[in-house]
């Protein structure tokens, strides 16, 4: 891929737009993406105020950005059927002329990704011994928890979504997470950047 423009003396070879359900996901990705994306990939984190806002504004935003960029949509599954959510979002992207958009679903919610790396939670909140719980059944498959946020608050009573995303994200091991949906998200980013 050829460089299209220069920013600060370095070639920008790709631009990524992450369309996000909520502000806390933006804070998490601000800590993770610099460790995932190679030099030359410029990215933008577009937060929304919930899934309805995301789905409502997605067609307009996908059509408005006409240059050669790539999109990744990230949304929580919550209590909905994961496959139906993904199909609906893919249909929105396709009907907006952006069938190449990558859609990723956090099963069930972003906190499942945190519970998939209890060592990061332990470091972020300085709670000794928390990482040993990773071998417990519910933490080996955190995507199966119906309310990961509640479970995380049980382990870390001071947890708040936005500050927690910043704190935990700084310590997350990109290559070692028990959350399958986190690993699929990371694989999706790698797929987009080639």
N, C-alpha and C. Protein backbone atom coordinates (compact mmCIF):
# COMPACT_ATOMS: atom_id res chain seq x y z
N UNK A 1 0.85 -1.18 0.00
CA UNK A 1 0.00 0.00 0.00
C UNK A 1 0.89 1.24 0.00
N UNK A 2 0.60 2.20 -0.84
CA UNK A 2 1.40 3.41 -0.94
C UNK A 2 1.01 4.42 0.13
N UNK A 3 1.99 5.18 0.57
CA UNK A 3 1.71 6.26 1.53
C UNK A 3 0.92 7.35 0.82
N UNK A 4 -0.11 7.86 1.47
CA UNK A 4 -0.95 8.88 0.87
C UNK A 4 -0.64 10.27 1.37
N UNK A 5 -0.19 10.41 2.58
CA UNK A 5 0.12 11.73 3.12
C UNK A 5 1.16 11.60 4.21
N UNK A 6 1.69 12.75 4.58
CA UNK A 6 2.69 12.76 5.64
C UNK A 6 2.16 13.57 6.81
N UNK A 7 2.43 13.09 8.01
CA UNK A 7 2.02 13.80 9.21
C UNK A 7 3.20 13.76 10.17
N UNK A 8 3.68 14.92 10.54
CA UNK A 8 4.81 14.98 11.46
C UNK A 8 6.05 14.30 10.91
N UNK A 9 6.22 14.32 9.60
CA UNK A 9 7.41 13.75 8.98
C UNK A 9 7.34 12.26 8.72
N UNK A 10 6.25 11.60 9.11
CA UNK A 10 6.16 10.16 8.83
C UNK A 10 5.00 9.87 7.90
N UNK A 11 5.17 8.87 7.11
CA UNK A 11 4.17 8.50 6.12
C UNK A 11 2.98 7.83 6.79
N UNK A 12 1.79 8.26 6.40
CA UNK A 12 0.57 7.62 6.86
C UNK A 12 0.13 6.69 5.74
N UNK A 13 0.17 5.39 5.99
CA UNK A 13 -0.15 4.42 4.95
C UNK A 13 -1.58 3.90 5.05
N UNK A 14 -2.21 4.12 6.20
CA UNK A 14 -3.58 3.64 6.39
C UNK A 14 -4.26 4.47 7.46
N UNK A 15 -5.55 4.69 7.26
CA UNK A 15 -6.36 5.36 8.27
C UNK A 15 -7.48 4.42 8.69
N UNK A 16 -7.65 4.28 10.00
CA UNK A 16 -8.70 3.44 10.57
C UNK A 16 -9.65 4.31 11.38
N UNK A 17 -10.93 4.06 11.21
CA UNK A 17 -11.95 4.70 12.04
C UNK A 17 -12.63 3.62 12.87
N UNK A 18 -12.54 3.76 14.18
CA UNK A 18 -13.20 2.84 15.09
C UNK A 18 -14.51 3.49 15.53
N UNK A 19 -15.62 2.87 15.20
CA UNK A 19 -16.94 3.36 15.57
C UNK A 19 -17.35 2.60 16.82
N UNK A 20 -17.44 3.30 17.95
CA UNK A 20 -17.57 2.67 19.26
C UNK A 20 -18.89 2.99 19.92
N UNK A 21 -19.42 2.03 20.64
CA UNK A 21 -20.71 2.18 21.32
C UNK A 21 -20.67 3.21 22.44
N UNK A 22 -19.55 3.29 23.14
CA UNK A 22 -19.56 4.10 24.37
C UNK A 22 -18.19 4.69 24.66
N UNK A 23 -18.16 5.74 25.50
CA UNK A 23 -16.89 6.41 25.85
C UNK A 23 -15.88 5.50 26.53
N UNK A 24 -16.32 4.53 27.32
CA UNK A 24 -15.36 3.67 28.02
C UNK A 24 -14.55 2.82 27.04
N UNK A 25 -15.18 2.38 25.95
CA UNK A 25 -14.43 1.61 24.94
C UNK A 25 -13.37 2.50 24.29
N UNK A 26 -13.69 3.77 24.10
CA UNK A 26 -12.69 4.70 23.56
C UNK A 26 -11.49 4.78 24.48
N UNK A 27 -11.73 4.89 25.78
CA UNK A 27 -10.63 4.98 26.74
C UNK A 27 -9.79 3.71 26.74
N UNK A 28 -10.44 2.56 26.63
CA UNK A 28 -9.70 1.30 26.57
C UNK A 28 -8.82 1.24 25.33
N UNK A 29 -9.40 1.56 24.18
CA UNK A 29 -8.65 1.45 22.93
C UNK A 29 -7.51 2.47 22.86
N UNK A 30 -7.65 3.60 23.55
CA UNK A 30 -6.55 4.57 23.59
C UNK A 30 -5.31 3.95 24.24
N UNK A 31 -5.50 3.00 25.13
CA UNK A 31 -4.37 2.36 25.80
C UNK A 31 -3.86 1.14 25.03
N UNK A 32 -4.74 0.48 24.28
CA UNK A 32 -4.38 -0.77 23.61
C UNK A 32 -3.83 -0.56 22.20
N UNK A 33 -4.48 0.29 21.41
CA UNK A 33 -4.12 0.41 20.00
C UNK A 33 -2.67 0.84 19.75
N UNK A 34 -2.09 1.72 20.55
CA UNK A 34 -0.68 2.04 20.28
C UNK A 34 0.25 0.83 20.36
N UNK A 35 -0.16 -0.20 21.08
CA UNK A 35 0.64 -1.43 21.18
C UNK A 35 0.33 -2.41 20.07
N UNK A 36 -0.77 -2.19 19.36
CA UNK A 36 -1.21 -3.12 18.32
C UNK A 36 -0.87 -2.61 16.92
N UNK A 37 -1.08 -1.33 16.70
CA UNK A 37 -0.95 -0.77 15.36
C UNK A 37 0.49 -0.38 15.06
N UNK A 38 0.97 -0.72 13.87
CA UNK A 38 2.33 -0.33 13.49
C UNK A 38 2.40 1.15 13.13
N UNK A 39 3.61 1.65 13.06
CA UNK A 39 3.82 3.04 12.64
C UNK A 39 3.26 3.22 11.24
N UNK A 40 2.65 4.35 11.02
CA UNK A 40 2.07 4.63 9.71
C UNK A 40 0.57 4.41 9.66
N UNK A 41 0.02 3.81 10.71
CA UNK A 41 -1.43 3.63 10.77
C UNK A 41 -2.00 4.73 11.67
N UNK A 42 -2.77 5.60 11.08
CA UNK A 42 -3.45 6.68 11.80
C UNK A 42 -4.84 6.18 12.18
N UNK A 43 -5.26 6.41 13.41
CA UNK A 43 -6.59 5.93 13.80
C UNK A 43 -7.38 7.00 14.51
N UNK A 44 -8.70 6.86 14.42
CA UNK A 44 -9.64 7.79 15.04
C UNK A 44 -10.65 6.96 15.82
N UNK A 45 -10.93 7.38 17.03
CA UNK A 45 -11.88 6.69 17.90
C UNK A 45 -13.14 7.54 17.99
N UNK A 46 -14.22 7.08 17.37
CA UNK A 46 -15.47 7.82 17.34
C UNK A 46 -16.43 7.18 18.34
N UNK A 47 -16.65 7.86 19.47
CA UNK A 47 -17.52 7.30 20.51
C UNK A 47 -18.96 7.72 20.28
N UNK A 48 -19.85 6.88 20.75
CA UNK A 48 -21.28 7.15 20.70
C UNK A 48 -21.85 7.03 22.11
N UNK A 49 -23.07 7.42 22.27
CA UNK A 49 -23.72 7.36 23.58
C UNK A 49 -24.68 6.18 23.64
N UNK A 50 -24.16 5.01 23.40
CA UNK A 50 -24.96 3.80 23.48
C UNK A 50 -25.20 3.16 22.12
N UNK A 51 -25.75 1.96 22.17
CA UNK A 51 -25.92 1.19 20.93
C UNK A 51 -26.92 1.81 19.97
N UNK A 52 -28.00 2.43 20.48
CA UNK A 52 -28.96 3.07 19.58
C UNK A 52 -28.32 4.24 18.85
N UNK A 53 -27.54 5.05 19.56
CA UNK A 53 -26.84 6.17 18.93
C UNK A 53 -25.88 5.66 17.87
N UNK A 54 -25.14 4.61 18.18
CA UNK A 54 -24.20 4.02 17.22
C UNK A 54 -24.92 3.58 15.95
N UNK A 55 -25.96 2.78 16.12
CA UNK A 55 -26.66 2.23 14.96
C UNK A 55 -27.37 3.31 14.15
N UNK A 56 -27.89 4.33 14.83
CA UNK A 56 -28.59 5.41 14.14
C UNK A 56 -27.64 6.27 13.32
N UNK A 57 -26.46 6.58 13.88
CA UNK A 57 -25.54 7.48 13.19
C UNK A 57 -24.56 6.78 12.25
N UNK A 58 -24.46 5.47 12.35
CA UNK A 58 -23.49 4.72 11.54
C UNK A 58 -23.64 4.94 10.04
N UNK A 59 -24.84 4.85 9.47
CA UNK A 59 -24.96 5.05 8.01
C UNK A 59 -24.46 6.43 7.57
N UNK A 60 -24.83 7.44 8.29
CA UNK A 60 -24.42 8.81 7.94
C UNK A 60 -22.90 8.95 8.00
N UNK A 61 -22.29 8.42 9.04
CA UNK A 61 -20.84 8.57 9.20
C UNK A 61 -20.07 7.73 8.17
N UNK A 62 -20.57 6.54 7.88
CA UNK A 62 -19.90 5.71 6.89
C UNK A 62 -19.94 6.36 5.51
N UNK A 63 -21.04 7.02 5.19
CA UNK A 63 -21.17 7.68 3.89
C UNK A 63 -20.41 9.00 3.85
N UNK A 64 -20.29 9.69 4.97
CA UNK A 64 -19.66 11.01 5.01
C UNK A 64 -18.14 10.95 4.80
N UNK A 65 -17.52 9.88 5.25
CA UNK A 65 -16.06 9.76 5.12
C UNK A 65 -15.80 8.98 3.84
N UNK A 66 -15.48 9.71 2.81
CA UNK A 66 -15.40 9.10 1.48
C UNK A 66 -14.00 8.70 1.07
N UNK A 67 -12.96 9.20 1.73
CA UNK A 67 -11.62 8.84 1.31
C UNK A 67 -11.36 7.36 1.60
N UNK A 68 -10.22 6.90 1.15
CA UNK A 68 -9.85 5.49 1.27
C UNK A 68 -9.43 5.18 2.71
N UNK A 69 -10.39 4.84 3.54
CA UNK A 69 -10.13 4.49 4.93
C UNK A 69 -10.80 3.16 5.23
N UNK A 70 -10.50 2.60 6.38
CA UNK A 70 -11.14 1.36 6.83
C UNK A 70 -11.88 1.65 8.12
N UNK A 71 -12.98 0.92 8.32
CA UNK A 71 -13.81 1.08 9.51
C UNK A 71 -13.85 -0.21 10.30
N UNK A 72 -13.86 -0.06 11.63
CA UNK A 72 -14.08 -1.17 12.54
C UNK A 72 -15.16 -0.71 13.52
N UNK A 73 -16.24 -1.47 13.61
CA UNK A 73 -17.34 -1.16 14.51
C UNK A 73 -17.23 -2.08 15.72
N UNK A 74 -17.32 -1.51 16.93
CA UNK A 74 -17.22 -2.30 18.16
C UNK A 74 -18.44 -2.00 19.02
N UNK A 75 -19.15 -3.06 19.38
CA UNK A 75 -20.36 -2.91 20.19
C UNK A 75 -20.47 -4.06 21.18
N UNK A 76 -21.06 -3.80 22.34
CA UNK A 76 -21.34 -4.87 23.31
C UNK A 76 -22.49 -5.72 22.83
N UNK A 77 -22.46 -6.99 23.18
CA UNK A 77 -23.56 -7.89 22.89
C UNK A 77 -24.73 -7.63 23.83
N UNK A 78 -24.42 -7.37 25.09
CA UNK A 78 -25.42 -7.25 26.15
C UNK A 78 -26.26 -8.53 26.18
N UNK A 79 -27.56 -8.43 26.23
CA UNK A 79 -28.39 -9.64 26.32
C UNK A 79 -28.90 -10.10 24.97
N UNK A 80 -28.52 -9.44 23.90
CA UNK A 80 -28.98 -9.79 22.55
C UNK A 80 -28.23 -11.01 22.03
N UNK A 81 -28.73 -11.57 20.95
CA UNK A 81 -28.06 -12.67 20.26
C UNK A 81 -26.87 -12.09 19.48
N UNK A 82 -25.68 -12.58 19.75
CA UNK A 82 -24.45 -12.06 19.17
C UNK A 82 -24.49 -12.08 17.64
N UNK A 83 -24.96 -13.19 17.07
CA UNK A 83 -24.99 -13.32 15.61
C UNK A 83 -25.98 -12.34 14.98
N UNK A 84 -27.11 -12.13 15.63
CA UNK A 84 -28.10 -11.19 15.12
C UNK A 84 -27.57 -9.76 15.17
N UNK A 85 -26.89 -9.41 16.26
CA UNK A 85 -26.32 -8.07 16.39
C UNK A 85 -25.30 -7.84 15.28
N UNK A 86 -24.42 -8.81 15.09
CA UNK A 86 -23.38 -8.67 14.07
C UNK A 86 -24.01 -8.59 12.67
N UNK A 87 -24.99 -9.43 12.39
CA UNK A 87 -25.65 -9.40 11.08
C UNK A 87 -26.32 -8.06 10.83
N UNK A 88 -26.97 -7.51 11.85
CA UNK A 88 -27.64 -6.21 11.70
C UNK A 88 -26.63 -5.11 11.41
N UNK A 89 -25.53 -5.10 12.15
CA UNK A 89 -24.50 -4.08 11.94
C UNK A 89 -23.84 -4.25 10.57
N UNK A 90 -23.58 -5.47 10.17
CA UNK A 90 -22.99 -5.71 8.84
C UNK A 90 -23.94 -5.25 7.74
N UNK A 91 -25.24 -5.47 7.93
CA UNK A 91 -26.23 -5.02 6.95
C UNK A 91 -26.26 -3.50 6.85
N UNK A 92 -26.16 -2.82 7.99
CA UNK A 92 -26.11 -1.35 8.00
C UNK A 92 -24.88 -0.87 7.23
N UNK A 93 -23.75 -1.49 7.49
CA UNK A 93 -22.50 -1.10 6.82
C UNK A 93 -22.58 -1.35 5.32
N UNK A 94 -23.10 -2.50 4.96
CA UNK A 94 -23.22 -2.86 3.54
C UNK A 94 -24.15 -1.91 2.80
N UNK A 95 -25.30 -1.61 3.39
CA UNK A 95 -26.26 -0.71 2.73
C UNK A 95 -25.75 0.73 2.70
N UNK A 96 -24.72 1.03 3.48
CA UNK A 96 -24.11 2.36 3.48
C UNK A 96 -22.91 2.42 2.53
N UNK A 97 -22.71 1.35 1.77
CA UNK A 97 -21.62 1.32 0.81
C UNK A 97 -20.28 0.94 1.40
N UNK A 98 -20.27 0.39 2.61
CA UNK A 98 -19.02 0.01 3.27
C UNK A 98 -19.07 -1.45 3.72
N UNK A 99 -19.26 -2.35 2.76
CA UNK A 99 -19.34 -3.77 3.07
C UNK A 99 -18.03 -4.31 3.63
N UNK A 100 -16.93 -3.58 3.44
CA UNK A 100 -15.62 -4.02 3.94
C UNK A 100 -15.40 -3.68 5.41
N UNK A 101 -16.40 -3.08 6.05
CA UNK A 101 -16.29 -2.73 7.47
C UNK A 101 -16.19 -3.99 8.32
N UNK A 102 -15.27 -3.98 9.27
CA UNK A 102 -15.13 -5.10 10.20
C UNK A 102 -15.99 -4.80 11.42
N UNK A 103 -16.83 -5.75 11.79
CA UNK A 103 -17.72 -5.60 12.95
C UNK A 103 -17.27 -6.58 14.02
N UNK A 104 -17.06 -6.08 15.23
CA UNK A 104 -16.67 -6.93 16.34
C UNK A 104 -17.59 -6.67 17.53
N UNK A 105 -17.98 -7.76 18.18
CA UNK A 105 -18.92 -7.71 19.31
C UNK A 105 -18.18 -8.17 20.57
N UNK A 106 -18.26 -7.36 21.61
CA UNK A 106 -17.73 -7.75 22.93
C UNK A 106 -18.79 -8.60 23.61
N UNK A 107 -18.47 -9.87 23.83
CA UNK A 107 -19.43 -10.79 24.44
C UNK A 107 -19.22 -10.81 25.95
N UNK A 108 -20.10 -10.53 26.66
CA UNK A 108 -21.34 -9.79 26.63
C UNK A 108 -21.12 -8.30 26.72
N UNK A 109 -20.02 -7.93 27.35
CA UNK A 109 -19.71 -6.50 27.50
C UNK A 109 -18.21 -6.33 27.67
N UNK A 110 -17.75 -5.10 27.58
CA UNK A 110 -16.32 -4.79 27.65
C UNK A 110 -15.67 -5.39 28.90
N UNK A 111 -16.38 -5.42 30.00
CA UNK A 111 -15.80 -5.95 31.25
C UNK A 111 -15.41 -7.41 31.13
N UNK A 112 -16.01 -8.15 30.20
CA UNK A 112 -15.58 -9.53 29.97
C UNK A 112 -14.13 -9.56 29.51
N UNK A 113 -13.74 -8.56 28.74
CA UNK A 113 -12.35 -8.48 28.29
C UNK A 113 -11.42 -8.26 29.48
N UNK A 114 -11.86 -7.48 30.46
CA UNK A 114 -11.04 -7.24 31.65
C UNK A 114 -10.93 -8.51 32.49
N UNK A 115 -12.06 -9.21 32.64
CA UNK A 115 -12.05 -10.45 33.42
C UNK A 115 -11.24 -11.54 32.74
N UNK A 116 -10.99 -11.38 31.47
CA UNK A 116 -10.13 -12.31 30.73
C UNK A 116 -8.65 -12.09 31.00
N UNK A 117 -8.32 -11.01 31.69
CA UNK A 117 -6.92 -10.70 32.03
C UNK A 117 -6.89 -10.17 33.47
N UNK A 118 -7.10 -11.06 34.43
CA UNK A 118 -7.14 -10.64 35.83
C UNK A 118 -5.80 -10.12 36.33
N UNK A 119 -4.72 -10.49 35.65
CA UNK A 119 -3.43 -9.93 36.03
C UNK A 119 -3.42 -8.42 35.77
N UNK A 120 -4.03 -7.98 34.67
CA UNK A 120 -4.12 -6.55 34.38
C UNK A 120 -4.98 -5.84 35.42
N UNK A 121 -6.08 -6.49 35.83
CA UNK A 121 -6.95 -5.92 36.86
C UNK A 121 -6.19 -5.82 38.18
N UNK A 122 -5.45 -6.87 38.50
CA UNK A 122 -4.64 -6.88 39.73
C UNK A 122 -3.64 -5.74 39.75
N UNK A 123 -2.94 -5.53 38.64
CA UNK A 123 -1.95 -4.46 38.56
C UNK A 123 -2.61 -3.08 38.61
N UNK A 124 -3.73 -2.93 37.90
CA UNK A 124 -4.40 -1.63 37.83
C UNK A 124 -4.90 -1.18 39.20
N UNK A 125 -5.38 -2.13 39.99
CA UNK A 125 -5.97 -1.77 41.29
C UNK A 125 -5.13 -2.21 42.48
N UNK A 126 -3.96 -2.77 42.21
CA UNK A 126 -3.05 -3.19 43.26
C UNK A 126 -3.73 -4.13 44.26
N UNK A 127 -4.36 -5.17 43.70
CA UNK A 127 -5.05 -6.18 44.51
C UNK A 127 -4.27 -7.49 44.40
N UNK A 128 -3.49 -7.79 45.38
CA UNK A 128 -2.66 -8.98 45.36
C UNK A 128 -3.46 -10.27 45.28
N UNK A 129 -2.96 -11.20 44.48
CA UNK A 129 -3.56 -12.52 44.38
C UNK A 129 -4.75 -12.65 43.44
N UNK A 130 -5.20 -11.56 42.89
CA UNK A 130 -6.37 -11.59 42.02
C UNK A 130 -6.12 -12.44 40.76
N UNK A 131 -4.92 -12.37 40.24
CA UNK A 131 -4.62 -13.09 39.00
C UNK A 131 -4.71 -14.61 39.17
N UNK A 132 -4.55 -15.11 40.38
CA UNK A 132 -4.67 -16.56 40.61
C UNK A 132 -6.08 -17.07 40.32
N UNK A 133 -7.06 -16.19 40.41
CA UNK A 133 -8.45 -16.59 40.14
C UNK A 133 -8.71 -16.88 38.66
N UNK A 134 -7.77 -16.54 37.79
CA UNK A 134 -7.95 -16.76 36.35
C UNK A 134 -8.22 -18.23 36.04
N UNK A 135 -7.77 -19.12 36.90
CA UNK A 135 -7.98 -20.55 36.67
C UNK A 135 -9.37 -21.02 37.07
N UNK A 136 -10.15 -20.17 37.75
CA UNK A 136 -11.52 -20.54 38.08
C UNK A 136 -12.35 -20.57 36.81
N UNK A 137 -13.31 -21.45 36.76
CA UNK A 137 -14.09 -21.69 35.55
C UNK A 137 -14.68 -20.41 34.95
N UNK A 138 -15.30 -19.58 35.74
CA UNK A 138 -15.96 -18.39 35.19
C UNK A 138 -14.99 -17.39 34.61
N UNK A 139 -13.74 -17.39 35.07
CA UNK A 139 -12.75 -16.46 34.54
C UNK A 139 -11.96 -17.06 33.37
N UNK A 140 -12.02 -18.38 33.23
CA UNK A 140 -11.41 -19.00 32.05
C UNK A 140 -12.23 -18.72 30.80
N UNK A 141 -13.54 -18.47 30.99
CA UNK A 141 -14.43 -18.14 29.87
C UNK A 141 -15.31 -16.96 30.28
N UNK A 142 -14.73 -15.77 30.42
CA UNK A 142 -15.51 -14.64 30.90
C UNK A 142 -16.62 -14.18 29.95
N UNK A 143 -16.53 -14.55 28.68
CA UNK A 143 -17.59 -14.17 27.74
C UNK A 143 -18.91 -14.85 28.07
N UNK A 144 -18.86 -15.91 28.85
CA UNK A 144 -20.07 -16.61 29.23
C UNK A 144 -20.82 -16.00 30.41
N UNK A 145 -20.21 -15.02 31.07
CA UNK A 145 -20.86 -14.37 32.21
C UNK A 145 -21.96 -13.43 31.72
N UNK A 146 -23.13 -13.51 32.34
CA UNK A 146 -24.24 -12.65 31.95
C UNK A 146 -24.04 -11.20 32.36
N UNK A 147 -23.31 -10.96 33.45
CA UNK A 147 -23.11 -9.59 33.90
C UNK A 147 -21.66 -9.42 34.37
N UNK A 148 -20.78 -9.26 33.40
CA UNK A 148 -19.35 -9.15 33.72
C UNK A 148 -19.05 -7.88 34.52
N UNK A 149 -19.77 -6.79 34.24
CA UNK A 149 -19.54 -5.55 34.98
C UNK A 149 -19.83 -5.74 36.46
N UNK A 150 -20.91 -6.44 36.75
CA UNK A 150 -21.27 -6.71 38.14
C UNK A 150 -20.21 -7.61 38.79
N UNK A 151 -19.74 -8.60 38.05
CA UNK A 151 -18.71 -9.49 38.57
C UNK A 151 -17.42 -8.72 38.83
N UNK A 152 -17.06 -7.82 37.94
CA UNK A 152 -15.85 -7.03 38.13
C UNK A 152 -15.97 -6.12 39.35
N UNK A 153 -17.16 -5.54 39.54
CA UNK A 153 -17.38 -4.68 40.73
C UNK A 153 -17.33 -5.49 42.02
N UNK A 154 -17.68 -6.77 41.94
CA UNK A 154 -17.58 -7.63 43.12
C UNK A 154 -16.10 -7.83 43.48
N UNK A 155 -15.25 -7.98 42.46
CA UNK A 155 -13.82 -8.14 42.71
C UNK A 155 -13.14 -6.81 43.05
N UNK A 156 -13.62 -5.74 42.42
CA UNK A 156 -13.02 -4.41 42.58
C UNK A 156 -14.15 -3.42 42.87
N UNK A 157 -14.53 -3.25 44.12
CA UNK A 157 -15.66 -2.38 44.45
C UNK A 157 -15.51 -0.93 43.97
N UNK A 158 -14.29 -0.48 43.76
CA UNK A 158 -14.07 0.90 43.32
C UNK A 158 -14.08 1.05 41.79
N UNK A 159 -14.34 -0.04 41.08
CA UNK A 159 -14.32 0.00 39.61
C UNK A 159 -15.36 0.98 39.06
N UNK A 160 -14.92 1.83 38.14
CA UNK A 160 -15.78 2.73 37.37
C UNK A 160 -15.45 2.50 35.90
N UNK A 161 -16.45 2.58 35.01
CA UNK A 161 -16.25 2.21 33.61
C UNK A 161 -15.12 2.97 32.91
N UNK A 162 -15.15 4.28 32.94
CA UNK A 162 -14.17 5.05 32.17
C UNK A 162 -12.79 5.01 32.80
N UNK A 163 -12.70 5.31 34.09
CA UNK A 163 -11.39 5.27 34.74
C UNK A 163 -10.84 3.84 34.79
N UNK A 164 -11.73 2.87 34.94
CA UNK A 164 -11.31 1.47 34.93
C UNK A 164 -10.77 1.04 33.58
N UNK A 165 -11.41 1.50 32.51
CA UNK A 165 -10.93 1.17 31.17
C UNK A 165 -9.52 1.71 30.96
N UNK A 166 -9.29 2.94 31.42
CA UNK A 166 -7.94 3.53 31.31
C UNK A 166 -6.92 2.72 32.12
N UNK A 167 -7.27 2.45 33.38
CA UNK A 167 -6.33 1.81 34.30
C UNK A 167 -6.02 0.37 33.89
N UNK A 168 -7.05 -0.39 33.62
CA UNK A 168 -6.85 -1.81 33.26
C UNK A 168 -6.21 -1.93 31.89
N UNK A 169 -6.66 -1.12 30.95
CA UNK A 169 -6.13 -1.18 29.59
C UNK A 169 -4.63 -1.02 29.50
N UNK A 170 -4.07 -0.21 30.37
CA UNK A 170 -2.62 0.01 30.38
C UNK A 170 -1.84 -1.27 30.67
N UNK A 171 -2.47 -2.20 31.36
CA UNK A 171 -1.77 -3.40 31.80
C UNK A 171 -2.19 -4.66 31.01
N UNK A 172 -3.17 -4.53 30.14
CA UNK A 172 -3.66 -5.73 29.45
C UNK A 172 -2.60 -6.32 28.53
N UNK A 173 -2.52 -7.64 28.56
CA UNK A 173 -1.62 -8.39 27.69
C UNK A 173 -2.39 -8.68 26.41
N UNK A 174 -2.02 -8.05 25.33
CA UNK A 174 -2.72 -8.15 24.06
C UNK A 174 -2.77 -9.58 23.56
N UNK A 175 -1.75 -10.36 23.85
CA UNK A 175 -1.64 -11.71 23.31
C UNK A 175 -2.06 -12.80 24.28
N UNK A 176 -2.55 -12.42 25.46
CA UNK A 176 -2.88 -13.43 26.45
C UNK A 176 -4.13 -12.99 27.21
N UNK A 177 -5.29 -13.33 26.67
CA UNK A 177 -6.55 -12.96 27.29
C UNK A 177 -7.51 -14.13 27.14
N UNK A 178 -8.21 -14.46 28.20
CA UNK A 178 -9.14 -15.60 28.18
C UNK A 178 -10.45 -15.27 27.47
N UNK A 179 -10.71 -14.01 27.19
CA UNK A 179 -11.93 -13.63 26.48
C UNK A 179 -11.76 -13.90 24.99
N UNK A 180 -12.56 -14.81 24.47
CA UNK A 180 -12.51 -15.12 23.05
C UNK A 180 -12.88 -13.89 22.23
N UNK A 181 -13.87 -13.13 22.67
CA UNK A 181 -14.28 -11.96 21.90
C UNK A 181 -13.19 -10.89 21.87
N UNK A 182 -12.37 -10.80 22.91
CA UNK A 182 -11.23 -9.88 22.88
C UNK A 182 -10.22 -10.35 21.84
N UNK A 183 -9.92 -11.65 21.85
CA UNK A 183 -8.96 -12.18 20.88
C UNK A 183 -9.46 -12.01 19.46
N UNK A 184 -10.76 -12.20 19.24
CA UNK A 184 -11.35 -12.00 17.90
C UNK A 184 -11.25 -10.53 17.50
N UNK A 185 -11.46 -9.61 18.45
CA UNK A 185 -11.31 -8.19 18.16
C UNK A 185 -9.88 -7.90 17.70
N UNK A 186 -8.89 -8.36 18.46
CA UNK A 186 -7.49 -8.11 18.12
C UNK A 186 -7.16 -8.73 16.75
N UNK A 187 -7.63 -9.95 16.51
CA UNK A 187 -7.41 -10.59 15.20
C UNK A 187 -8.04 -9.77 14.08
N UNK A 188 -9.20 -9.18 14.35
CA UNK A 188 -9.86 -8.34 13.36
C UNK A 188 -9.05 -7.11 13.01
N UNK A 189 -8.45 -6.50 14.03
CA UNK A 189 -7.58 -5.34 13.79
C UNK A 189 -6.37 -5.75 12.95
N UNK A 190 -5.75 -6.86 13.32
CA UNK A 190 -4.60 -7.34 12.54
C UNK A 190 -5.00 -7.66 11.09
N UNK A 191 -6.18 -8.22 10.91
CA UNK A 191 -6.66 -8.53 9.57
C UNK A 191 -6.80 -7.27 8.73
N UNK A 192 -7.34 -6.22 9.33
CA UNK A 192 -7.55 -4.96 8.60
C UNK A 192 -6.21 -4.35 8.19
N UNK A 193 -5.23 -4.38 9.08
CA UNK A 193 -3.96 -3.72 8.77
C UNK A 193 -3.02 -4.62 7.96
N UNK A 194 -3.44 -5.88 7.75
CA UNK A 194 -2.67 -6.77 6.89
C UNK A 194 -1.47 -7.35 7.60
